[in-house]
Every structure is written in C-alpha cells, then in structure tokens.
PDB file of N, CA and C in Angstrom:
ATOM      1  N   MET A   1      -7.661   8.695 -12.858  1.00  0.00           N
ATOM      2  CA  MET A   1      -7.240   8.866 -14.860  1.00  0.00           C
ATOM      3  C   MET A   1      -6.383   9.969 -14.739  1.00  0.00           C
ATOM      4  N   SER A   2      -6.839  11.192 -13.945  1.00  0.00           N
ATOM      5  CA  SER A   2      -6.774  12.007 -15.045  1.00  0.00           C
ATOM      6  C   SER A   2      -5.513  13.098 -14.988  1.00  0.00           C
ATOM      7  N   GLU A   3      -4.802  12.615 -13.605  1.00  0.00           N
ATOM      8  CA  GLU A   3      -3.720  13.460 -12.707  1.00  0.00           C
ATOM      9  C   GLU A   3      -2.145  12.102 -13.410  1.00  0.00           C
ATOM     10  N   PHE A   4      -2.364  11.252 -13.833  1.00  0.00           N
ATOM     11  CA  PHE A   4      -1.572   9.990 -14.494  1.00  0.00           C
ATOM     12  C   PHE A   4      -1.327  11.363 -16.026  1.00  0.00           C
ATOM     13  N   TYR A   5      -2.704  11.013 -16.598  1.00  0.00           N
ATOM     14  CA  TYR A   5      -2.399  11.685 -17.992  1.00  0.00           C
ATOM     15  C   TYR A   5      -1.774  13.333 -18.060  1.00  0.00           C
ATOM     16  N   LYS A   6      -2.146  14.171 -16.852  1.00  0.00           N
ATOM     17  CA  LYS A   6      -1.869  15.513 -16.510  1.00  0.00           C
ATOM     18  C   LYS A   6      -0.090  15.291 -17.015  1.00  0.00           C
ATOM     19  N   GLN A   7       0.595  14.587 -16.473  1.00  0.00           N
ATOM     20  CA  GLN A   7       1.765  14.324 -16.660  1.00  0.00           C
ATOM     21  C   GLN A   7       2.613  13.839 -17.138  1.00  0.00           C
ATOM     22  N   VAL A   8       1.665  13.132 -18.347  1.00  0.00           N
ATOM     23  CA  VAL A   8       2.088  11.958 -19.362  1.00  0.00           C
ATOM     24  C   VAL A   8       2.145  13.351 -20.560  1.00  0.00           C
ATOM     25  N   LYS A   9       1.538  14.438 -20.599  1.00  0.00           N
ATOM     26  CA  LYS A   9       2.111  15.430 -21.467  1.00  0.00           C
ATOM     27  C   LYS A   9       2.592  15.658 -22.049  1.00  0.00           C
ATOM     28  N   GLY A  10       3.365  15.982 -21.113  1.00  0.00           N
ATOM     29  CA  GLY A  10       5.445  16.819 -20.891  1.00  0.00           C
ATOM     30  C   GLY A  10       6.166  16.098 -20.555  1.00  0.00           C
ATOM     31  N   ASP A  11       5.358  14.883 -20.763  1.00  0.00           N
ATOM     32  CA  ASP A  11       7.026  13.583 -20.044  1.00  0.00           C
ATOM     33  C   ASP A  11       8.094  13.625 -21.072  1.00  0.00           C
ATOM     34  N   ASP A  12       8.904  13.479 -20.844  1.00  0.00           N
ATOM     35  CA  ASP A  12       9.933  13.018 -21.883  1.00  0.00           C
ATOM     36  C   ASP A  12      10.279  11.944 -22.374  1.00  0.00           C
ATOM     37  N   ILE A  13      10.249  10.936 -22.256  1.00  0.00           N
ATOM     38  CA  ILE A  13       9.377   9.009 -22.420  1.00  0.00           C
ATOM     39  C   ILE A  13       8.145   8.869 -23.177  1.00  0.00           C
ATOM     40  N   LEU A  14       7.161   9.103 -21.797  1.00  0.00           N
ATOM     41  CA  LEU A  14       6.406   9.085 -22.319  1.00  0.00           C
ATOM     42  C   LEU A  14       5.222   9.361 -22.879  1.00  0.00           C
ATOM     43  N   GLY A  15       5.519  10.828 -23.287  1.00  0.00           N
ATOM     44  CA  GLY A  15       4.695  11.647 -24.082  1.00  0.00           C
ATOM     45  C   GLY A  15       4.967  11.425 -25.416  1.00  0.00           C
ATOM     46  N   PRO A  16       5.898  11.391 -26.340  1.00  0.00           N
ATOM     47  CA  PRO A  16       5.603  11.142 -27.203  1.00  0.00           C
ATOM     48  C   PRO A  16       4.983   9.326 -27.735  1.00  0.00           C
ATOM     49  N   MET A  17       4.281   8.841 -26.424  1.00  0.00           N
ATOM     50  CA  MET A  17       4.043   7.395 -27.682  1.00  0.00           C
ATOM     51  C   MET A  17       2.637   8.077 -27.189  1.00  0.00           C
ATOM     52  N   TYR A  18       2.124   8.817 -26.914  1.00  0.00           N
ATOM     53  CA  TYR A  18       0.397   9.181 -26.589  1.00  0.00           C
ATOM     54  C   TYR A  18       0.176   9.669 -27.608  1.00  0.00           C
ATOM     55  N   PRO A  19      -1.298   9.849 -27.609  1.00  0.00           N
ATOM     56  CA  PRO A  19      -2.100  10.754 -29.388  1.00  0.00           C
ATOM     57  C   PRO A  19      -2.577  12.337 -28.485  1.00  0.00           C
ATOM     58  N   ALA A  20      -0.698  13.479 -28.781  1.00  0.00           N
ATOM     59  CA  ALA A  20      -1.518  14.616 -28.138  1.00  0.00           C
ATOM     60  C   ALA A  20      -2.710  15.213 -28.820  1.00  0.00           C
ATOM     61  N   ASP A  21      -3.595  14.373 -30.228  1.00  0.00           N
ATOM     62  CA  ASP A  21      -4.602  15.305 -30.848  1.00  0.00           C
ATOM     63  C   ASP A  21      -5.737  14.404 -29.629  1.00  0.00           C
ATOM     64  N   ASP A  22      -5.593  12.815 -28.536  1.00  0.00           N
ATOM     65  CA  ASP A  22      -6.428  12.636 -28.333  1.00  0.00           C
ATOM     66  C   ASP A  22      -6.484  11.423 -26.652  1.00  0.00           C
ATOM     67  N   MET A  23      -5.382  12.610 -26.132  1.00  0.00           N
ATOM     68  CA  MET A  23      -5.148  12.366 -24.939  1.00  0.00           C
ATOM     69  C   MET A  23      -6.607  12.015 -23.536  1.00  0.00           C
ATOM     70  N   ALA A  24      -7.476  12.735 -24.120  1.00  0.00           N
ATOM     71  CA  ALA A  24      -8.972  11.905 -23.442  1.00  0.00           C
ATOM     72  C   ALA A  24      -9.184  10.821 -24.082  1.00  0.00           C
ATOM     73  N   GLY A  25      -8.699  10.422 -25.425  1.00  0.00           N
ATOM     74  CA  GLY A  25      -9.171   9.240 -25.234  1.00  0.00           C
ATOM     75  C   GLY A  25      -8.353   8.116 -24.659  1.00  0.00           C
ATOM     76  N   ALA A  26      -7.051   8.104 -24.749  1.00  0.00           N
ATOM     77  CA  ALA A  26      -6.499   7.455 -24.441  1.00  0.00           C
ATOM     78  C   ALA A  26      -6.711   7.347 -21.974  1.00  0.00           C
ATOM     79  N   GLU A  27      -6.985   8.452 -22.672  1.00  0.00           N
ATOM     80  CA  GLU A  27      -7.646   8.035 -20.271  1.00  0.00           C
ATOM     81  C   GLU A  27      -9.097   7.031 -20.243  1.00  0.00           C
ATOM     82  N   ASP A  28      -9.528   7.376 -21.477  1.00  0.00           N
ATOM     83  CA  ASP A  28     -10.536   7.266 -21.720  1.00  0.00           C
ATOM     84  C   ASP A  28     -10.884   5.247 -21.327  1.00  0.00           C
ATOM     85  N   ARG A  29      -9.550   5.001 -22.438  1.00  0.00           N
ATOM     86  CA  ARG A  29      -9.672   3.584 -22.681  1.00  0.00           C
ATOM     87  C   ARG A  29      -8.599   3.009 -21.349  1.00  0.00           C
ATOM     88  N   LEU A  30      -7.774   3.728 -20.812  1.00  0.00           N
ATOM     89  CA  LEU A  30      -7.113   3.471 -19.455  1.00  0.00           C
ATOM     90  C   LEU A  30      -8.838   3.012 -19.088  1.00  0.00           C
ATOM     91  N   ARG A  31      -9.789   3.821 -17.844  1.00  0.00           N
ATOM     92  CA  ARG A  31     -10.171   3.741 -17.188  1.00  0.00           C
ATOM     93  C   ARG A  31     -11.506   2.507 -17.672  1.00  0.00           C
ATOM     94  N   TRP A  32     -11.763   2.959 -19.230  1.00  0.00           N
ATOM     95  CA  TRP A  32     -12.713   1.253 -19.896  1.00  0.00           C
ATOM     96  C   TRP A  32     -11.992  -0.176 -19.067  1.00  0.00           C
ATOM     97  N   PHE A  33      -9.960   0.100 -19.059  1.00  0.00           N
ATOM     98  CA  PHE A  33      -9.976  -1.299 -19.185  1.00  0.00           C
ATOM     99  C   PHE A  33      -9.821  -1.799 -17.557  1.00  0.00           C
ATOM    100  N   LEU A  34      -9.350  -0.986 -17.022  1.00  0.00           N
ATOM    101  CA  LEU A  34      -9.023  -1.341 -15.283  1.00  0.00           C
ATOM    102  C   LEU A  34     -10.908  -1.306 -14.468  1.00  0.00           C
ATOM    103  N   ALA A  35     -11.303  -0.845 -14.713  1.00  0.00           N
ATOM    104  CA  ALA A  35     -12.845  -1.157 -14.567  1.00  0.00           C
ATOM    105  C   ALA A  35     -12.872  -2.649 -14.982  1.00  0.00           C
ATOM    106  N   GLN A  36     -13.638  -3.024 -16.444  1.00  0.00           N
ATOM    107  CA  GLN A  36     -13.299  -4.384 -16.304  1.00  0.00           C
ATOM    108  C   GLN A  36     -12.934  -5.313 -16.149  1.00  0.00           C
ATOM    109  N   TYR A  37     -11.002  -4.817 -16.269  1.00  0.00           N
ATOM    110  CA  TYR A  37     -10.194  -5.610 -14.896  1.00  0.00           C
ATOM    111  C   TYR A  37     -10.737  -5.963 -13.848  1.00  0.00           C
ATOM    112  N   TRP A  38     -11.456  -5.135 -13.266  1.00  0.00           N
ATOM    113  CA  TRP A  38     -11.509  -4.687 -11.735  1.00  0.00           C
ATOM    114  C   TRP A  38     -12.858  -5.372 -11.882  1.00  0.00           C
ATOM    115  N   GLY A  39     -13.667  -5.969 -12.488  1.00  0.00           N
ATOM    116  CA  GLY A  39     -15.333  -6.443 -12.522  1.00  0.00           C
ATOM    117  C   GLY A  39     -15.784  -5.856 -12.420  1.00  0.00           C
ATOM    118  N   GLY A  40     -16.004  -4.423 -13.046  1.00  0.00           N
ATOM    119  CA  GLY A  40     -17.159  -3.264 -13.960  1.00  0.00           C
ATOM    120  C   GLY A  40     -17.435  -3.571 -15.315  1.00  0.00           C
ATOM    121  N   PRO A  41     -18.095  -2.485 -15.891  1.00  0.00           N
ATOM    122  CA  PRO A  41     -19.314  -3.074 -17.214  1.00  0.00           C
ATOM    123  C   PRO A  41     -17.746  -3.264 -18.470  1.00  0.00           C
ATOM    124  N   GLU A  42     -18.171  -4.498 -19.398  1.00  0.00           N
ATOM    125  CA  GLU A  42     -17.091  -4.451 -20.309  1.00  0.00           C
ATOM    126  C   GLU A  42     -17.478  -3.246 -21.540  1.00  0.00           C
ATOM    127  N   THR A  43     -17.178  -2.380 -21.113  1.00  0.00           N
ATOM    128  CA  THR A  43     -16.822  -1.232 -21.947  1.00  0.00           C
ATOM    129  C   THR A  43     -15.833  -1.150 -22.639  1.00  0.00           C
ATOM    130  N   PHE A  44     -14.798  -1.529 -22.251  1.00  0.00           N
ATOM    131  CA  PHE A  44     -13.258  -1.521 -23.332  1.00  0.00           C
ATOM    132  C   PHE A  44     -13.297  -2.077 -24.298  1.00  0.00           C
ATOM    133  N   ASN A  45     -14.008  -3.842 -23.555  1.00  0.00           N
ATOM    134  CA  ASN A  45     -14.269  -4.975 -25.282  1.00  0.00           C
ATOM    135  C   ASN A  45     -15.610  -4.891 -26.067  1.00  0.00           C
ATOM    136  N   GLU A  46     -16.280  -3.587 -25.347  1.00  0.00           N
ATOM    137  CA  GLU A  46     -18.028  -4.028 -26.207  1.00  0.00           C
ATOM    138  C   GLU A  46     -16.998  -2.182 -27.294  1.00  0.00           C
ATOM    139  N   LYS A  47     -16.229  -1.192 -26.566  1.00  0.00           N
ATOM    140  CA  LYS A  47     -15.868  -0.376 -28.045  1.00  0.00           C
ATOM    141  C   LYS A  47     -14.208  -0.773 -28.781  1.00  0.00           C
ATOM    142  N   ARG A  48     -13.917  -1.855 -27.865  1.00  0.00           N
ATOM    143  CA  ARG A  48     -12.446  -1.846 -28.530  1.00  0.00           C
ATOM    144  C   ARG A  48     -11.803  -3.077 -28.990  1.00  0.00           C
ATOM    145  N   GLY A  49     -12.334  -4.566 -28.812  1.00  0.00           N
ATOM    146  CA  GLY A  49     -12.268  -5.461 -28.549  1.00  0.00           C
ATOM    147  C   GLY A  49     -11.852  -6.484 -27.040  1.00  0.00           C
ATOM    148  N   HIS A  50     -11.253  -7.345 -27.144  1.00  0.00           N
ATOM    149  CA  HIS A  50     -10.096  -7.276 -25.842  1.00  0.00           C
ATOM    150  C   HIS A  50      -8.935  -6.505 -26.105  1.00  0.00           C
ATOM    151  N   PRO A  51      -8.611  -6.567 -24.851  1.00  0.00           N
ATOM    152  CA  PRO A  51      -7.456  -5.770 -24.511  1.00  0.00           C
ATOM    153  C   PRO A  51      -5.945  -6.175 -25.346  1.00  0.00           C
ATOM    154  N   ARG A  52      -5.800  -7.076 -25.941  1.00  0.00           N
ATOM    155  CA  ARG A  52      -4.296  -7.753 -26.050  1.00  0.00           C
ATOM    156  C   ARG A  52      -3.437  -6.778 -25.822  1.00  0.00           C
ATOM    157  N   LEU A  53      -3.112  -6.218 -24.701  1.00  0.00           N
ATOM    158  CA  LEU A  53      -2.187  -5.540 -24.344  1.00  0.00           C
ATOM    159  C   LEU A  53      -0.659  -5.463 -24.756  1.00  0.00           C
ATOM    160  N   ARG A  54      -0.104  -6.100 -25.271  1.00  0.00           N
ATOM    161  CA  ARG A  54       1.171  -6.917 -26.019  1.00  0.00           C
ATOM    162  C   ARG A  54       0.956  -6.287 -27.415  1.00  0.00           C
ATOM    163  N   MET A  55       0.394  -6.560 -27.993  1.00  0.00           N
ATOM    164  CA  MET A  55      -0.398  -6.087 -29.409  1.00  0.00           C
ATOM    165  C   MET A  55      -0.747  -4.780 -29.689  1.00  0.00           C
ATOM    166  N   ARG A  56      -1.771  -4.413 -28.875  1.00  0.00           N
ATOM    167  CA  ARG A  56      -1.406  -2.722 -28.839  1.00  0.00           C
ATOM    168  C   ARG A  56      -0.325  -2.028 -28.682  1.00  0.00           C
ATOM    169  N   HIS A  57       0.415  -2.892 -27.677  1.00  0.00           N
ATOM    170  CA  HIS A  57       1.580  -1.677 -27.397  1.00  0.00           C
ATOM    171  C   HIS A  57       2.705  -2.179 -28.065  1.00  0.00           C
ATOM    172  N   ALA A  58       2.778  -3.455 -29.403  1.00  0.00           N
ATOM    173  CA  ALA A  58       4.200  -2.909 -29.648  1.00  0.00           C
ATOM    174  C   ALA A  58       4.784  -2.334 -29.907  1.00  0.00           C
ATOM    175  N   GLN A  59       3.496  -1.446 -31.221  1.00  0.00           N
ATOM    176  CA  GLN A  59       4.517  -0.389 -31.719  1.00  0.00           C
ATOM    177  C   GLN A  59       5.419   0.552 -30.901  1.00  0.00           C
ATOM    178  N   PHE A  60       5.150   0.643 -29.565  1.00  0.00           N
ATOM    179  CA  PHE A  60       6.141   1.666 -28.986  1.00  0.00           C
ATOM    180  C   PHE A  60       7.602   0.959 -28.525  1.00  0.00           C
ATOM    181  N   HIS A  61       8.284   1.900 -28.321  1.00  0.00           N
ATOM    182  CA  HIS A  61       9.951   1.044 -27.595  1.00  0.00           C
ATOM    183  C   HIS A  61       9.641   1.130 -26.583  1.00  0.00           C
ATOM    184  N   ILE A  62       9.603   0.346 -25.427  1.00  0.00           N
ATOM    185  CA  ILE A  62       9.239   0.069 -24.382  1.00  0.00           C
ATOM    186  C   ILE A  62      10.094   0.101 -23.955  1.00  0.00           C
ATOM    187  N   ASP A  63      11.152   0.672 -23.101  1.00  0.00           N
ATOM    188  CA  ASP A  63      11.911  -0.270 -22.556  1.00  0.00           C
ATOM    189  C   ASP A  63      11.842  -0.390 -20.658  1.00  0.00           C
ATOM    190  N   GLU A  64      12.589  -0.932 -20.033  1.00  0.00           N
ATOM    191  CA  GLU A  64      12.583  -0.426 -18.092  1.00  0.00           C
ATOM    192  C   GLU A  64      12.940   1.124 -18.384  1.00  0.00           C
ATOM    193  N   ALA A  65      13.315   2.155 -18.768  1.00  0.00           N
ATOM    194  CA  ALA A  65      13.212   3.387 -18.164  1.00  0.00           C
ATOM    195  C   ALA A  65      11.969   3.380 -18.715  1.00  0.00           C
ATOM    196  N   ALA A  66      11.458   3.474 -19.651  1.00  0.00           N
ATOM    197  CA  ALA A  66       9.901   3.499 -20.291  1.00  0.00           C
ATOM    198  C   ALA A  66       8.844   2.852 -18.929  1.00  0.00           C
ATOM    199  N   ARG A  67       9.253   1.691 -18.538  1.00  0.00           N
ATOM    200  CA  ARG A  67       8.064   0.921 -17.561  1.00  0.00           C
ATOM    201  C   ARG A  67       8.299   1.876 -16.067  1.00  0.00           C
ATOM    202  N   ASP A  68       9.198   1.995 -16.285  1.00  0.00           N
ATOM    203  CA  ASP A  68       9.801   2.507 -14.827  1.00  0.00           C
ATOM    204  C   ASP A  68       8.752   3.652 -14.515  1.00  0.00           C
ATOM    205  N   ARG A  69       9.623   4.374 -16.031  1.00  0.00           N
ATOM    206  CA  ARG A  69       8.848   6.148 -15.503  1.00  0.00           C
ATOM    207  C   ARG A  69       7.306   6.068 -15.447  1.00  0.00           C
ATOM    208  N   TRP A  70       6.150   5.017 -16.192  1.00  0.00           N
ATOM    209  CA  TRP A  70       5.499   4.737 -16.819  1.00  0.00           C
ATOM    210  C   TRP A  70       5.046   4.628 -14.899  1.00  0.00           C
ATOM    211  N   LEU A  71       5.255   3.839 -14.325  1.00  0.00           N
ATOM    212  CA  LEU A  71       4.722   3.555 -12.623  1.00  0.00           C
ATOM    213  C   LEU A  71       5.664   4.468 -11.342  1.00  0.00           C
ATOM    214  N   GLU A  72       5.808   5.785 -11.958  1.00  0.00           N
ATOM    215  CA  GLU A  72       6.524   6.494 -11.177  1.00  0.00           C
ATOM    216  C   GLU A  72       5.480   7.143 -11.240  1.00  0.00           C
ATOM    217  N   LEU A  73       4.925   7.603 -13.087  1.00  0.00           N
ATOM    218  CA  LEU A  73       3.760   8.409 -12.791  1.00  0.00           C
ATOM    219  C   LEU A  73       2.503   8.284 -12.046  1.00  0.00           C
ATOM    220  N   MET A  74       2.328   6.971 -11.931  1.00  0.00           N
ATOM    221  CA  MET A  74       0.844   6.725 -11.671  1.00  0.00           C
ATOM    222  C   MET A  74       1.159   6.088 -10.484  1.00  0.00           C
ATOM    223  N   ALA A  75       1.860   5.901  -9.518  1.00  0.00           N
ATOM    224  CA  ALA A  75       2.471   6.131  -8.406  1.00  0.00           C
ATOM    225  C   ALA A  75       2.060   8.041  -7.515  1.00  0.00           C
ATOM    226  N   ASN A  76       2.612   8.457  -8.338  1.00  0.00           N
ATOM    227  CA  ASN A  76       2.213  10.246  -8.651  1.00  0.00           C
ATOM    228  C   ASN A  76       0.423  10.083  -8.308  1.00  0.00           C
ATOM    229  N   ALA A  77       0.303   9.470  -9.616  1.00  0.00           N
ATOM    230  CA  ALA A  77      -1.325   9.509  -9.848  1.00  0.00           C
ATOM    231  C   ALA A  77      -1.643   8.986  -8.780  1.00  0.00           C
ATOM    232  N   MET A  78      -1.925   8.078  -8.705  1.00  0.00           N
ATOM    233  CA  MET A  78      -2.492   7.113  -7.396  1.00  0.00           C
ATOM    234  C   MET A  78      -2.337   7.897  -5.991  1.00  0.00           C
ATOM    235  N   GLU A  79      -1.225   8.885  -5.804  1.00  0.00           N
ATOM    236  CA  GLU A  79      -0.849   9.514  -4.022  1.00  0.00           C
ATOM    237  C   GLU A  79      -1.525  10.283  -3.636  1.00  0.00           C
ATOM    238  N   THR A  80      -2.663  11.375  -5.287  1.00  0.00           N
ATOM    239  CA  THR A  80      -3.979  11.411  -5.038  1.00  0.00           C
ATOM    240  C   THR A  80      -5.060  11.579  -4.951  1.00  0.00           C
ATOM    241  N   VAL A  81      -5.447   9.754  -4.405  1.00  0.00           N
ATOM    242  CA  VAL A  81      -6.056   9.312  -4.582  1.00  0.00           C
ATOM    243  C   VAL A  81      -6.196   9.242  -3.146  1.00  0.00           C
ATOM    244  N   ASP A  82      -7.804   9.343  -2.231  1.00  0.00           N
ATOM    245  CA  ASP A  82      -7.991   9.736  -0.162  1.00  0.00           C
ATOM    246  C   ASP A  82      -8.097   7.924  -0.205  1.00  0.00           C
ATOM    247  N   GLU A  83      -7.400   7.641   1.246  1.00  0.00           N
ATOM    248  CA  GLU A  83      -7.673   6.703   1.217  1.00  0.00           C
ATOM    249  C   GLU A  83      -9.035   5.833   1.482  1.00  0.00           C
ATOM    250  N   GLU A  84     -10.568   7.199   1.621  1.00  0.00           N
ATOM    251  CA  GLU A  84     -12.118   6.743   1.846  1.00  0.00           C
ATOM    252  C   GLU A  84     -12.650   6.524   0.290  1.00  0.00           C
ATOM    253  N   THR A  85     -11.710   6.741  -0.725  1.00  0.00           N
ATOM    254  CA  THR A  85     -11.919   6.164  -2.237  1.00  0.00           C
ATOM    255  C   THR A  85     -11.013   5.385  -2.574  1.00  0.00           C
ATOM    256  N   LEU A  86     -10.137   4.660  -2.195  1.00  0.00           N
ATOM    257  CA  LEU A  86      -9.541   3.603  -3.080  1.00  0.00           C
ATOM    258  C   LEU A  86      -8.809   3.171  -1.209  1.00  0.00           C
ATOM    259  N   PRO A  87      -9.334   1.886  -0.627  1.00  0.00           N
ATOM    260  CA  PRO A  87      -8.604   1.581   0.369  1.00  0.00           C
ATOM    261  C   PRO A  87      -7.543   0.735   0.551  1.00  0.00           C
ATOM    262  N   ALA A  88      -6.489   0.882   1.231  1.00  0.00           N
ATOM    263  CA  ALA A  88      -5.548   0.290   1.298  1.00  0.00           C
ATOM    264  C   ALA A  88      -5.252  -1.021   0.278  1.00  0.00           C
ATOM    265  N   GLU A  89      -6.122  -1.856   1.052  1.00  0.00           N
ATOM    266  CA  GLU A  89      -6.118  -3.173   0.654  1.00  0.00           C
ATOM    267  C   GLU A  89      -6.111  -3.517  -1.122  1.00  0.00           C
ATOM    268  N   HIS A  90      -6.656  -2.514  -1.898  1.00  0.00           N
ATOM    269  CA  HIS A  90      -7.629  -2.208  -2.786  1.00  0.00           C
ATOM    270  C   HIS A  90      -5.820  -1.427  -3.363  1.00  0.00           C
ATOM    271  N   ARG A  91      -6.250  -0.564  -2.641  1.00  0.00           N
ATOM    272  CA  ARG A  91      -4.610   0.912  -3.333  1.00  0.00           C
ATOM    273  C   ARG A  91      -3.147  -0.664  -4.032  1.00  0.00           C
ATOM    274  N   ALA A  92      -3.165  -2.151  -2.510  1.00  0.00           N
ATOM    275  CA  ALA A  92      -2.427  -2.570  -2.788  1.00  0.00           C
ATOM    276  C   ALA A  92      -2.921  -3.527  -3.948  1.00  0.00           C
ATOM    277  N   ALA A  93      -3.414  -3.786  -4.532  1.00  0.00           N
ATOM    278  CA  ALA A  93      -4.404  -4.999  -5.463  1.00  0.00           C
ATOM    279  C   ALA A  93      -4.109  -4.298  -6.361  1.00  0.00           C
ATOM    280  N   MET A  94      -4.497  -3.109  -6.867  1.00  0.00           N
ATOM    281  CA  MET A  94      -4.718  -2.360  -7.559  1.00  0.00           C
ATOM    282  C   MET A  94      -2.967  -1.978  -8.331  1.00  0.00           C
ATOM    283  N   TRP A  95      -1.749  -1.707  -7.414  1.00  0.00           N
ATOM    284  CA  TRP A  95      -0.635  -1.546  -7.475  1.00  0.00           C
ATOM    285  C   TRP A  95       0.103  -2.500  -7.684  1.00  0.00           C
ATOM    286  N   ASP A  96      -0.267  -3.732  -7.891  1.00  0.00           N
ATOM    287  CA  ASP A  96       0.590  -5.695  -7.750  1.00  0.00           C
ATOM    288  C   ASP A  96      -0.315  -5.451  -9.763  1.00  0.00           C
ATOM    289  N   HIS A  97      -1.118  -5.228  -9.941  1.00  0.00           N
ATOM    290  CA  HIS A  97      -1.871  -5.118 -10.752  1.00  0.00           C
ATOM    291  C   HIS A  97      -0.657  -4.385 -11.971  1.00  0.00           C
ATOM    292  N   MET A  98       0.180  -3.180 -11.460  1.00  0.00           N
ATOM    293  CA  MET A  98       0.109  -2.367 -12.091  1.00  0.00           C
ATOM    294  C   MET A  98       1.671  -3.022 -12.793  1.00  0.00           C
ATOM    295  N   GLU A  99       2.050  -2.782 -11.748  1.00  0.00           N
ATOM    296  CA  GLU A  99       3.597  -3.707 -11.907  1.00  0.00           C
ATOM    297  C   GLU A  99       3.832  -4.648 -12.404  1.00  0.00           C
ATOM    298  N   ARG A 100       3.067  -5.915 -12.900  1.00  0.00           N
ATOM    299  CA  ARG A 100       3.100  -6.839 -13.351  1.00  0.00           C
ATOM    300  C   ARG A 100       2.488  -6.091 -14.644  1.00  0.00           C
ATOM    301  N   VAL A 101       1.453  -5.728 -15.184  1.00  0.00           N
ATOM    302  CA  VAL A 101       1.433  -5.514 -16.360  1.00  0.00           C
ATOM    303  C   VAL A 101       2.142  -3.996 -17.299  1.00  0.00           C
ATOM    304  N   ALA A 102       2.924  -3.936 -16.204  1.00  0.00           N
ATOM    305  CA  ALA A 102       3.869  -2.457 -17.079  1.00  0.00           C
ATOM    306  C   ALA A 102       5.508  -3.146 -17.538  1.00  0.00           C
ATOM    307  N   GLN A 103       5.403  -4.833 -16.925  1.00  0.00           N
ATOM    308  CA  GLN A 103       6.953  -5.469 -17.139  1.00  0.00           C
ATOM    309  C   GLN A 103       6.061  -6.329 -18.104  1.00  0.00           C
ATOM    310  N   MET A 104       4.534  -6.565 -18.602  1.00  0.00           N
ATOM    311  CA  MET A 104       4.175  -7.582 -19.142  1.00  0.00           C
ATOM    312  C   MET A 104       5.095  -6.809 -20.577  1.00  0.00           C
ATOM    313  N   LEU A 105       4.322  -5.593 -20.682  1.00  0.00           N
ATOM    314  CA  LEU A 105       4.381  -5.190 -21.806  1.00  0.00           C
ATOM    315  C   LEU A 105       6.245  -4.451 -22.550  1.00  0.00           C
ATOM    316  N   VAL A 106       6.708  -3.979 -21.160  1.00  0.00           N
ATOM    317  CA  VAL A 106       8.594  -4.621 -21.759  1.00  0.00           C
ATOM    318  C   VAL A 106       8.579  -5.338 -23.467  1.00  0.00           C
ATOM    319  N   ASN A 107       8.979  -4.177 -23.948  1.00  0.00           N
ATOM    320  CA  ASN A 107       9.523  -5.112 -25.031  1.00  0.00           C
ATOM    321  C   ASN A 107      10.590  -4.656 -26.075  1.00  0.00           C
ATOM    322  N   GLU A 108      11.677  -4.169 -25.028  1.00  0.00           N
ATOM    323  CA  GLU A 108      13.149  -3.588 -25.699  1.00  0.00           C
ATOM    324  C   GLU A 108      13.897  -3.882 -24.853  1.00  0.00           C
ATOM    325  N   PRO A 109      15.035  -4.764 -25.012  1.00  0.00           N
ATOM    326  CA  PRO A 109      15.932  -5.235 -23.956  1.00  0.00           C
ATOM    327  C   PRO A 109      16.925  -4.371 -23.105  1.00  0.00           C
ATOM    328  N   THR A 110      17.121  -4.082 -22.210  1.00  0.00           N
ATOM    329  CA  THR A 110      18.183  -2.559 -21.930  1.00  0.00           C
ATOM    330  C   THR A 110      19.520  -3.285 -21.525  1.00  0.00           C
ATOM    331  N   MET A 111      20.652  -3.166 -21.852  1.00  0.00           N
ATOM    332  CA  MET A 111      21.576  -3.594 -21.088  1.00  0.00           C
ATOM    333  C   MET A 111      22.205  -3.590 -19.875  1.00  0.00           C
ATOM    334  N   ARG A 112      22.631  -3.968 -19.022  1.00  0.00           N
ATOM    335  CA  ARG A 112      23.106  -3.538 -18.087  1.00  0.00           C
ATOM    336  C   ARG A 112      23.780  -2.223 -18.120  1.00  0.00           C
ATOM    337  N   SER A 113      24.130  -1.765 -18.606  1.00  0.00           N
ATOM    338  CA  SER A 113      24.837   0.193 -18.224  1.00  0.00           C
ATOM    339  C   SER A 113      23.694   0.804 -18.688  1.00  0.00           C
ATOM    340  N   GLY A 114      22.261   0.701 -18.887  1.00  0.00           N
ATOM    341  CA  GLY A 114      21.268   1.097 -18.588  1.00  0.00           C
ATOM    342  C   GLY A 114      20.750   1.740 -20.294  1.00  0.00           C
ATOM    343  N   ARG A 115      21.086   0.604 -20.764  1.00  0.00           N
ATOM    344  CA  ARG A 115      21.071   1.723 -22.312  1.00  0.00           C
ATOM    345  C   ARG A 115      21.091   0.869 -23.446  1.00  0.00           C
ATOM    346  N   SER A 116      20.019   1.138 -24.622  1.00  0.00           N
ATOM    347  CA  SER A 116      19.483  -0.108 -25.136  1.00  0.00           C
ATOM    348  C   SER A 116      20.140  -0.732 -25.664  1.00  0.00           C
ATOM    349  N   TRP A 117      19.989  -2.147 -26.324  1.00  0.00           N
ATOM    350  CA  TRP A 117      21.090  -3.016 -26.784  1.00  0.00           C
ATOM    351  C   TRP A 117      21.306  -1.963 -28.367  1.00  0.00           C
ATOM    352  N   ASP A 118      19.200  -1.765 -29.162  1.00  0.00           N
ATOM    353  CA  ASP A 118      19.459  -0.739 -30.619  1.00  0.00           C
ATOM    354  C   ASP A 118      20.226   0.553 -30.576  1.00  0.00           C
ATOM    355  N   ALA A 119      20.587   1.363 -29.222  1.00  0.00           N
ATOM    356  CA  ALA A 119      20.861   2.606 -29.198  1.00  0.00           C
ATOM    357  C   ALA A 119      22.692   2.375 -29.830  1.00  0.00           C
TER     358      ALA A 119
END
C-alpha cells in the first residue's frame, strides 16, 4: 500500500482527497479493509465500524477521471509486488475487486466530452 500512497501525495486529482496530515492513517485503513475483505482479521470493523464505502466517500468529487487515476496509481503500486508475494490468480482477483469498487464509488456524472456536469 505504501507504493500507492507515495504516488497519491503529489497527485493533482487524488492528493486533495486524502488527509495530508494523516496519510499513514489512510494507508492503515485501506490495509485493514483489504485484509478484512479477503478473509483476514476484522480490524477495519473493530476500529471503524462497517466499511460503508459509498457513504464514507460521498463527500469527495469522484468522477471518471478520479476513478481512472485511482486505478492507474493502484496498478502502478501492484506492479511493484512480485509474483511470489502476489501470485497471478490472486492478483487478477484483487484487480477485479479494485475495478468494481472504483466504479461503485463514482458519484459525479461525466458528460461525453469528459467534463463534469457541474463544471
């Protein structure tokens, strides 16, 4: 996860959505969520309650550009993990999950021109 957050810090689209003073906290929360989702400890629920991803992200302007950038940075981060640590079949399942969640969190319509309706 640290490779993802290294990229987020200076990103023009995603950077403003993350707490600059608590990037480590954001990283922890994503780690807890993913571990729990894939059958690990329920640390996320214990510390934060039910994930409620759409509700937790509703305050942010998430359009197709933000979705695509999040996926781009996550793909970059996943590429730094070797095959032994994350075998191909697990990588594919994880990526499928990332794509579905990223799409689910889009909360701002985008016109065909690529501009947001409220622009």
